Amino acid sequence: MLLQKHSAHIDLVLSDIRMPGKMSGVDLANRVSLEWPHIGIILTSGYEAPAMVGLVKPTVFLPKP
């Protein structure tokens, strides 16, 4: 993962909530929050705003047009 090698140089992660594979954007946000708490997180989606249940720390939601 890019974050493991370069986390000191990353200030923000922007991720869609729906991602290919097993990890969702919420899963990614929680992992980033726990391992690299200095990194801010913005989640986005073209679907309705999710409830954002289960997030470790408050996260900004940015709806796609």
PDB file of N, CA and C in Angstrom:
ATOM      1  N   MET A   1       0.844  -1.176   0.000  1.00  0.00           N
ATOM      2  CA  MET A   1       0.000   0.000   0.000  1.00  0.00           C
ATOM      3  C   MET A   1       0.893   1.244   0.000  1.00  0.00           C
ATOM      4  N   LEU A   2       0.537   2.184  -0.808  1.00  0.00           N
ATOM      5  CA  LEU A   2       1.283   3.434  -0.938  1.00  0.00           C
ATOM      6  C   LEU A   2       1.427   4.145   0.406  1.00  0.00           C
ATOM      7  N   LEU A   3       0.392   4.098   1.219  1.00  0.00           N
ATOM      8  CA  LEU A   3       0.433   4.775   2.516  1.00  0.00           C
ATOM      9  C   LEU A   3       1.528   4.229   3.431  1.00  0.00           C
ATOM     10  N   GLN A   4       1.794   2.962   3.372  1.00  0.00           N
ATOM     11  CA  GLN A   4       2.811   2.368   4.237  1.00  0.00           C
ATOM     12  C   GLN A   4       4.195   2.939   3.950  1.00  0.00           C
ATOM     13  N   LYS A   5       4.480   3.254   2.705  1.00  0.00           N
ATOM     14  CA  LYS A   5       5.800   3.772   2.335  1.00  0.00           C
ATOM     15  C   LYS A   5       5.897   5.280   2.427  1.00  0.00           C
ATOM     16  N   HIS A   6       4.782   5.986   2.230  1.00  0.00           N
ATOM     17  CA  HIS A   6       4.845   7.441   2.092  1.00  0.00           C
ATOM     18  C   HIS A   6       3.920   8.197   3.045  1.00  0.00           C
ATOM     19  N   SER A   7       3.496   7.594   4.142  1.00  0.00           N
ATOM     20  CA  SER A   7       2.503   8.215   5.014  1.00  0.00           C
ATOM     21  C   SER A   7       2.951   9.560   5.584  1.00  0.00           C
ATOM     22  N   ALA A   8       4.233   9.760   5.765  1.00  0.00           N
ATOM     23  CA  ALA A   8       4.731  11.024   6.312  1.00  0.00           C
ATOM     24  C   ALA A   8       4.517  12.184   5.343  1.00  0.00           C
ATOM     25  N   HIS A   9       4.328  11.875   4.071  1.00  0.00           N
ATOM     26  CA  HIS A   9       4.176  12.905   3.049  1.00  0.00           C
ATOM     27  C   HIS A   9       2.741  13.043   2.542  1.00  0.00           C
ATOM     28  N   ILE A  10       1.815  12.311   3.150  1.00  0.00           N
ATOM     29  CA  ILE A  10       0.421  12.327   2.711  1.00  0.00           C
ATOM     30  C   ILE A  10      -0.416  13.042   3.760  1.00  0.00           C
ATOM     31  N   ASP A  11      -1.180  14.042   3.330  1.00  0.00           N
ATOM     32  CA  ASP A  11      -2.025  14.817   4.241  1.00  0.00           C
ATOM     33  C   ASP A  11      -3.492  14.440   4.156  1.00  0.00           C
ATOM     34  N   LEU A  12      -3.914  13.893   3.006  1.00  0.00           N
ATOM     35  CA  LEU A  12      -5.330  13.658   2.780  1.00  0.00           C
ATOM     36  C   LEU A  12      -5.531  12.446   1.878  1.00  0.00           C
ATOM     37  N   VAL A  13      -6.553  11.656   2.196  1.00  0.00           N
ATOM     38  CA  VAL A  13      -6.974  10.545   1.347  1.00  0.00           C
ATOM     39  C   VAL A  13      -8.393  10.840   0.882  1.00  0.00           C
ATOM     40  N   LEU A  14      -8.609  10.770  -0.428  1.00  0.00           N
ATOM     41  CA  LEU A  14      -9.929  10.929  -1.035  1.00  0.00           C
ATOM     42  C   LEU A  14     -10.297   9.590  -1.652  1.00  0.00           C
ATOM     43  N   SER A  15     -11.425   9.031  -1.225  1.00  0.00           N
ATOM     44  CA  SER A  15     -11.812   7.709  -1.708  1.00  0.00           C
ATOM     45  C   SER A  15     -13.306   7.639  -1.957  1.00  0.00           C
ATOM     46  N   ASP A  16     -13.674   6.895  -2.978  1.00  0.00           N
ATOM     47  CA  ASP A  16     -15.076   6.573  -3.189  1.00  0.00           C
ATOM     48  C   ASP A  16     -15.482   5.556  -2.126  1.00  0.00           C
ATOM     49  N   ILE A  17     -16.734   5.555  -1.746  1.00  0.00           N
ATOM     50  CA  ILE A  17     -17.212   4.575  -0.772  1.00  0.00           C
ATOM     51  C   ILE A  17     -17.250   3.186  -1.391  1.00  0.00           C
ATOM     52  N   ARG A  18     -17.643   3.125  -2.654  1.00  0.00           N
ATOM     53  CA  ARG A  18     -17.671   1.835  -3.356  1.00  0.00           C
ATOM     54  C   ARG A  18     -16.355   1.657  -4.099  1.00  0.00           C
ATOM     55  N   MET A  19     -15.647   0.599  -3.762  1.00  0.00           N
ATOM     56  CA  MET A  19     -14.370   0.312  -4.416  1.00  0.00           C
ATOM     57  C   MET A  19     -14.392  -1.135  -4.888  1.00  0.00           C
ATOM     58  N   PRO A  20     -13.621  -1.440  -5.916  1.00  0.00           N
ATOM     59  CA  PRO A  20     -13.530  -2.838  -6.344  1.00  0.00           C
ATOM     60  C   PRO A  20     -12.797  -3.661  -5.282  1.00  0.00           C
ATOM     61  N   GLY A  21     -13.117  -4.912  -5.199  1.00  0.00           N
ATOM     62  CA  GLY A  21     -12.453  -5.772  -4.234  1.00  0.00           C
ATOM     63  C   GLY A  21     -13.226  -5.857  -2.927  1.00  0.00           C
ATOM     64  N   LYS A  22     -12.548  -6.318  -1.905  1.00  0.00           N
ATOM     65  CA  LYS A  22     -13.200  -6.570  -0.614  1.00  0.00           C
ATOM     66  C   LYS A  22     -13.257  -5.349   0.290  1.00  0.00           C
ATOM     67  N   MET A  23     -12.363  -4.386   0.109  1.00  0.00           N
ATOM     68  CA  MET A  23     -12.302  -3.222   0.992  1.00  0.00           C
ATOM     69  C   MET A  23     -13.188  -2.102   0.458  1.00  0.00           C
ATOM     70  N   SER A  24     -14.027  -1.554   1.331  1.00  0.00           N
ATOM     71  CA  SER A  24     -14.857  -0.412   0.947  1.00  0.00           C
ATOM     72  C   SER A  24     -14.132   0.878   1.345  1.00  0.00           C
ATOM     73  N   GLY A  25     -14.678   1.990   0.917  1.00  0.00           N
ATOM     74  CA  GLY A  25     -14.107   3.267   1.315  1.00  0.00           C
ATOM     75  C   GLY A  25     -14.173   3.480   2.820  1.00  0.00           C
ATOM     76  N   VAL A  26     -15.230   2.981   3.452  1.00  0.00           N
ATOM     77  CA  VAL A  26     -15.352   3.072   4.913  1.00  0.00           C
ATOM     78  C   VAL A  26     -14.261   2.226   5.572  1.00  0.00           C
ATOM     79  N   ASP A  27     -14.017   1.032   5.039  1.00  0.00           N
ATOM     80  CA  ASP A  27     -12.937   0.189   5.569  1.00  0.00           C
ATOM     81  C   ASP A  27     -11.590   0.904   5.451  1.00  0.00           C
ATOM     82  N   LEU A  28     -11.345   1.504   4.304  1.00  0.00           N
ATOM     83  CA  LEU A  28     -10.104   2.236   4.084  1.00  0.00           C
ATOM     84  C   LEU A  28      -9.995   3.409   5.062  1.00  0.00           C
ATOM     85  N   ALA A  29     -11.080   4.159   5.224  1.00  0.00           N
ATOM     86  CA  ALA A  29     -11.080   5.300   6.144  1.00  0.00           C
ATOM     87  C   ALA A  29     -10.742   4.854   7.563  1.00  0.00           C
ATOM     88  N   ASN A  30     -11.296   3.745   7.996  1.00  0.00           N
ATOM     89  CA  ASN A  30     -11.006   3.243   9.342  1.00  0.00           C
ATOM     90  C   ASN A  30      -9.553   2.803   9.478  1.00  0.00           C
ATOM     91  N   ARG A  31      -9.032   2.153   8.473  1.00  0.00           N
ATOM     92  CA  ARG A  31      -7.629   1.724   8.537  1.00  0.00           C
ATOM     93  C   ARG A  31      -6.693   2.927   8.585  1.00  0.00           C
ATOM     94  N   VAL A  32      -6.955   3.908   7.746  1.00  0.00           N
ATOM     95  CA  VAL A  32      -6.137   5.121   7.742  1.00  0.00           C
ATOM     96  C   VAL A  32      -6.232   5.822   9.097  1.00  0.00           C
ATOM     97  N   SER A  33      -7.444   5.930   9.637  1.00  0.00           N
ATOM     98  CA  SER A  33      -7.645   6.597  10.928  1.00  0.00           C
ATOM     99  C   SER A  33      -6.870   5.928  12.051  1.00  0.00           C
ATOM    100  N   LEU A  34      -6.841   4.610  12.033  1.00  0.00           N
ATOM    101  CA  LEU A  34      -6.161   3.870  13.100  1.00  0.00           C
ATOM    102  C   LEU A  34      -4.644   3.862  12.936  1.00  0.00           C
ATOM    103  N   GLU A  35      -4.155   3.701  11.715  1.00  0.00           N
ATOM    104  CA  GLU A  35      -2.719   3.572  11.486  1.00  0.00           C
ATOM    105  C   GLU A  35      -2.010   4.905  11.259  1.00  0.00           C
ATOM    106  N   TRP A  36      -2.713   5.865  10.670  1.00  0.00           N
ATOM    107  CA  TRP A  36      -2.118   7.166  10.357  1.00  0.00           C
ATOM    108  C   TRP A  36      -3.107   8.269  10.735  1.00  0.00           C
ATOM    109  N   PRO A  37      -3.296   8.520  12.019  1.00  0.00           N
ATOM    110  CA  PRO A  37      -4.329   9.469  12.454  1.00  0.00           C
ATOM    111  C   PRO A  37      -4.106  10.907  11.988  1.00  0.00           C
ATOM    112  N   HIS A  38      -2.902  11.239  11.537  1.00  0.00           N
ATOM    113  CA  HIS A  38      -2.628  12.597  11.054  1.00  0.00           C
ATOM    114  C   HIS A  38      -3.180  12.853   9.654  1.00  0.00           C
ATOM    115  N   ILE A  39      -3.611  11.802   8.966  1.00  0.00           N
ATOM    116  CA  ILE A  39      -4.105  11.931   7.595  1.00  0.00           C
ATOM    117  C   ILE A  39      -5.607  12.184   7.603  1.00  0.00           C
ATOM    118  N   GLY A  40      -6.036  13.246   6.929  1.00  0.00           N
ATOM    119  CA  GLY A  40      -7.454  13.547   6.791  1.00  0.00           C
ATOM    120  C   GLY A  40      -8.092  12.635   5.757  1.00  0.00           C
ATOM    121  N   ILE A  41      -9.415  12.496   5.842  1.00  0.00           N
ATOM    122  CA  ILE A  41     -10.123  11.582   4.949  1.00  0.00           C
ATOM    123  C   ILE A  41     -11.375  12.264   4.411  1.00  0.00           C
ATOM    124  N   ILE A  42     -11.580  12.142   3.098  1.00  0.00           N
ATOM    125  CA  ILE A  42     -12.823  12.564   2.462  1.00  0.00           C
ATOM    126  C   ILE A  42     -13.359  11.356   1.706  1.00  0.00           C
ATOM    127  N   LEU A  43     -14.623  11.015   1.958  1.00  0.00           N
ATOM    128  CA  LEU A  43     -15.282   9.945   1.223  1.00  0.00           C
ATOM    129  C   LEU A  43     -16.282  10.565   0.264  1.00  0.00           C
ATOM    130  N   THR A  44     -16.431   9.941  -0.902  1.00  0.00           N
ATOM    131  CA  THR A  44     -17.343  10.451  -1.915  1.00  0.00           C
ATOM    132  C   THR A  44     -18.146   9.299  -2.511  1.00  0.00           C
ATOM    133  N   SER A  45     -19.263   9.655  -3.149  1.00  0.00           N
ATOM    134  CA  SER A  45     -20.073   8.651  -3.826  1.00  0.00           C
ATOM    135  C   SER A  45     -21.038   9.358  -4.765  1.00  0.00           C
ATOM    136  N   GLY A  46     -21.387   8.685  -5.830  1.00  0.00           N
ATOM    137  CA  GLY A  46     -22.389   9.190  -6.754  1.00  0.00           C
ATOM    138  C   GLY A  46     -23.782   8.750  -6.349  1.00  0.00           C
ATOM    139  N   TYR A  47     -23.854   7.946  -5.311  1.00  0.00           N
ATOM    140  CA  TYR A  47     -25.130   7.470  -4.794  1.00  0.00           C
ATOM    141  C   TYR A  47     -25.542   8.345  -3.615  1.00  0.00           C
ATOM    142  N   GLU A  48     -26.674   8.059  -3.012  1.00  0.00           N
ATOM    143  CA  GLU A  48     -27.140   8.849  -1.872  1.00  0.00           C
ATOM    144  C   GLU A  48     -26.109   8.836  -0.754  1.00  0.00           C
ATOM    145  N   ALA A  49     -26.093   9.911   0.018  1.00  0.00           N
ATOM    146  CA  ALA A  49     -25.163  10.016   1.141  1.00  0.00           C
ATOM    147  C   ALA A  49     -25.412   8.867   2.121  1.00  0.00           C
ATOM    148  N   PRO A  50     -24.379   8.131   2.443  1.00  0.00           N
ATOM    149  CA  PRO A  50     -24.532   7.008   3.375  1.00  0.00           C
ATOM    150  C   PRO A  50     -24.650   7.511   4.809  1.00  0.00           C
ATOM    151  N   ALA A  51     -25.031   6.630   5.695  1.00  0.00           N
ATOM    152  CA  ALA A  51     -25.156   6.979   7.107  1.00  0.00           C
ATOM    153  C   ALA A  51     -23.781   7.139   7.762  1.00  0.00           C
ATOM    154  N   MET A  52     -22.730   6.646   7.107  1.00  0.00           N
ATOM    155  CA  MET A  52     -21.361   6.723   7.628  1.00  0.00           C
ATOM    156  C   MET A  52     -21.241   5.997   8.975  1.00  0.00           C
ATOM    157  N   VAL A  53     -21.995   4.936   9.132  1.00  0.00           N
ATOM    158  CA  VAL A  53     -21.975   4.149  10.352  1.00  0.00           C
ATOM    159  C   VAL A  53     -20.701   3.321  10.392  1.00  0.00           C
ATOM    160  N   GLY A  54     -20.097   3.248  11.544  1.00  0.00           N
ATOM    161  CA  GLY A  54     -18.930   2.411  11.736  1.00  0.00           C
ATOM    162  C   GLY A  54     -17.606   3.103  11.513  1.00  0.00           C
ATOM    163  N   LEU A  55     -17.621   4.399  11.260  1.00  0.00           N
ATOM    164  CA  LEU A  55     -16.360   5.115  11.069  1.00  0.00           C
ATOM    165  C   LEU A  55     -15.678   5.375  12.399  1.00  0.00           C
ATOM    166  N   VAL A  56     -14.362   5.212  12.422  1.00  0.00           N
ATOM    167  CA  VAL A  56     -13.576   5.406  13.630  1.00  0.00           C
ATOM    168  C   VAL A  56     -13.535   6.872  14.039  1.00  0.00           C
ATOM    169  N   LYS A  57     -13.378   7.768  13.063  1.00  0.00           N
ATOM    170  CA  LYS A  57     -13.352   9.201  13.373  1.00  0.00           C
ATOM    171  C   LYS A  57     -14.234   9.944  12.378  1.00  0.00           C
ATOM    172  N   PRO A  58     -14.677  11.146  12.727  1.00  0.00           N
ATOM    173  CA  PRO A  58     -15.512  11.904  11.795  1.00  0.00           C
ATOM    174  C   PRO A  58     -14.818  12.069  10.441  1.00  0.00           C
ATOM    175  N   THR A  59     -15.586  11.898   9.389  1.00  0.00           N
ATOM    176  CA  THR A  59     -15.065  11.947   8.030  1.00  0.00           C
ATOM    177  C   THR A  59     -15.982  12.817   7.179  1.00  0.00           C
ATOM    178  N   VAL A  60     -15.397  13.595   6.299  1.00  0.00           N
ATOM    179  CA  VAL A  60     -16.170  14.455   5.407  1.00  0.00           C
ATOM    180  C   VAL A  60     -16.741  13.613   4.272  1.00  0.00           C
ATOM    181  N   PHE A  61     -18.001  13.871   3.915  1.00  0.00           N
ATOM    182  CA  PHE A  61     -18.617  13.222   2.751  1.00  0.00           C
ATOM    183  C   PHE A  61     -18.829  14.283   1.686  1.00  0.00           C
ATOM    184  N   LEU A  62     -18.348  14.010   0.485  1.00  0.00           N
ATOM    185  CA  LEU A  62     -18.471  14.930  -0.644  1.00  0.00           C
ATOM    186  C   LEU A  62     -19.274  14.208  -1.734  1.00  0.00           C
ATOM    187  N   PRO A  63     -20.532  14.624  -1.977  1.00  0.00           N
ATOM    188  CA  PRO A  63     -21.322  13.936  -2.998  1.00  0.00           C
ATOM    189  C   PRO A  63     -20.816  14.262  -4.393  1.00  0.00           C
ATOM    190  N   LYS A  64     -20.861  13.260  -5.260  1.00  0.00           N
ATOM    191  CA  LYS A  64     -20.518  13.481  -6.665  1.00  0.00           C
ATOM    192  C   LYS A  64     -21.737  14.040  -7.378  1.00  0.00           C
ATOM    193  N   PRO A  65     -21.518  14.873  -8.369  1.00  0.00           N
ATOM    194  CA  PRO A  65     -22.661  15.399  -9.126  1.00  0.00           C
ATOM    195  C   PRO A  65     -23.318  14.310  -9.952  1.00  0.00           C
TER     196      PRO A  65
END
